Amino acid sequence: MTDMNPPLVSLTPKAVEYINRLFEKEGIKPPPGGIRFQVKAGGCHGFECVHQLVRTDDRHDMIIISHGVRILIDPKSAKILNGTIVDHPENLIEKGLTYNIPNSTSCGCGTSFEIKK
């Protein structure tokens, strides 16, 4: 039997490489550290997805392992990020991580988004 539900958040291989380089640079060794993804109010479309390297998790965090990377997400952000694919495009325009969030539309600059109704 196959699970038809996508993972809460998944990482592409390029995102995994990028995040592991960040961990190494900052001297963070999961567990208990990891990368925290969070949705915050802001930007021209209402929401922004941000990430932060952390040395420990919060007791309320949801913990996901994607390709060996420890991802921490607060329950409120998890509702919006469900099914998100995180990537690291290697081009001159986009730097860092990008988020493919289901049921959302992003602004022209790609840094904020709104949830489709």
Protein backbone atom coordinates (compact mmCIF):
# COMPACT_ATOMS: atom_id res chain seq x y z
CA MET A 1 0.00 0.00 0.00
CA THR A 2 1.37 3.41 -0.96
CA ASP A 3 1.08 6.54 1.17
CA MET A 4 -0.69 9.15 -0.96
CA ASN A 5 0.04 12.04 1.39
CA PRO A 6 3.14 14.09 0.54
CA PRO A 7 5.64 14.72 3.34
CA LEU A 8 5.08 17.88 5.36
CA VAL A 9 8.27 19.40 3.91
CA SER A 10 10.80 17.75 1.63
CA LEU A 11 14.19 18.87 0.37
CA THR A 12 15.71 18.47 -3.06
CA PRO A 13 19.24 17.03 -3.21
CA LYS A 14 20.62 20.53 -3.99
CA ALA A 15 18.87 21.96 -0.93
CA VAL A 16 20.36 19.16 1.20
CA GLU A 17 23.88 19.96 -0.03
CA TYR A 18 23.38 23.69 0.62
CA ILE A 19 21.94 23.19 4.13
CA ASN A 20 24.70 20.75 5.08
CA ARG A 21 27.29 23.35 3.99
CA LEU A 22 25.53 25.92 6.22
CA PHE A 23 25.56 23.48 9.17
CA GLU A 24 29.27 22.85 8.68
CA LYS A 25 30.08 26.57 8.37
CA GLU A 26 28.16 27.37 11.60
CA GLY A 27 29.40 24.29 13.49
CA ILE A 28 25.87 22.94 13.98
CA LYS A 29 25.56 19.19 14.45
CA PRO A 30 22.03 17.80 14.33
CA PRO A 31 20.56 16.57 16.59
CA PRO A 32 19.67 18.58 18.61
CA GLY A 33 20.22 21.34 16.03
CA GLY A 34 18.60 21.69 12.65
CA ILE A 35 17.05 24.13 10.24
CA ARG A 36 13.83 25.85 11.25
CA PHE A 37 11.31 26.79 8.57
CA GLN A 38 8.72 29.34 9.61
CA VAL A 39 5.94 31.31 7.97
CA LYS A 40 5.74 34.95 9.03
CA ALA A 41 3.35 37.73 8.14
CA GLY A 42 4.93 40.19 5.73
CA GLY A 43 5.81 41.00 2.18
CA CYS A 44 3.53 42.31 -0.52
CA HIS A 45 1.43 39.09 -0.67
CA GLY A 46 0.93 38.65 3.08
CA PHE A 47 3.32 35.82 4.06
CA GLU A 48 7.02 35.06 3.91
CA CYS A 49 8.79 31.77 4.49
CA VAL A 50 12.03 32.15 6.42
CA HIS A 51 14.63 29.72 7.66
CA GLN A 52 17.09 29.81 10.51
CA LEU A 53 19.83 27.44 11.63
CA VAL A 54 19.30 26.52 15.27
CA ARG A 55 21.36 24.62 17.81
CA THR A 56 18.36 23.08 19.56
CA ASP A 57 14.66 22.57 18.98
CA ASP A 58 11.71 24.10 20.80
CA ARG A 59 9.48 21.67 22.67
CA HIS A 60 6.57 22.61 20.39
CA ASP A 61 8.47 21.99 17.13
CA MET A 62 7.46 19.31 14.70
CA ILE A 63 10.60 17.43 13.67
CA ILE A 64 10.98 16.03 10.17
CA ILE A 65 13.97 14.27 8.64
CA SER A 66 14.41 14.77 4.90
CA HIS A 67 17.45 13.13 3.29
CA GLY A 68 19.16 13.13 6.69
CA VAL A 69 18.52 16.84 7.36
CA ARG A 70 16.71 17.67 10.60
CA ILE A 71 13.89 20.15 9.89
CA LEU A 72 12.05 21.97 12.68
CA ILE A 73 8.63 23.56 12.09
CA ASP A 74 6.23 25.19 14.52
CA PRO A 75 2.65 23.81 14.37
CA LYS A 76 1.16 27.05 13.01
CA SER A 77 3.63 27.17 10.08
CA ALA A 78 3.16 23.44 9.44
CA LYS A 79 -0.46 24.02 8.39
CA ILE A 80 0.69 26.37 5.60
CA LEU A 81 3.86 24.49 4.61
CA ASN A 82 2.21 21.07 4.27
CA GLY A 83 3.54 19.50 1.05
CA THR A 84 6.23 22.16 0.47
CA ILE A 85 9.33 21.31 -1.54
CA VAL A 86 12.45 23.29 -0.63
CA ASP A 87 15.11 23.74 -3.32
CA HIS A 88 18.41 25.55 -3.81
CA PRO A 89 18.62 26.82 -7.38
CA GLU A 90 22.13 27.52 -8.54
CA ASN A 91 21.77 30.60 -10.67
CA LEU A 92 22.66 34.28 -10.49
CA ILE A 93 19.12 35.51 -9.82
CA GLU A 94 17.96 33.21 -7.00
CA LYS A 95 20.25 32.65 -4.04
CA GLY A 96 19.60 30.64 -0.93
CA LEU A 97 16.52 28.48 -0.62
CA THR A 98 13.29 28.60 -2.58
CA TYR A 99 9.95 27.21 -1.45
CA ASN A 100 7.34 25.53 -3.66
CA ILE A 101 4.32 25.87 -1.37
CA PRO A 102 1.15 24.11 -2.57
CA ASN A 103 -2.00 26.21 -2.87
CA SER A 104 -0.09 29.49 -2.90
CA THR A 105 0.79 32.23 -5.34
CA SER A 106 3.92 34.29 -5.01
CA CYS A 107 4.68 37.86 -5.87
CA GLY A 108 6.90 38.91 -8.77
CA CYS A 109 10.03 39.01 -6.62
CA GLY A 110 9.30 35.53 -5.25
CA THR A 111 9.87 36.40 -1.59
CA SER A 112 6.27 36.57 -0.37
CA PHE A 113 3.16 34.56 -1.08
CA GLU A 114 -0.55 34.28 -0.40
CA ILE A 115 -2.69 31.21 0.07
CA LYS A 116 -5.12 30.47 -2.77
CA LYS A 117 -8.70 30.38 -1.64
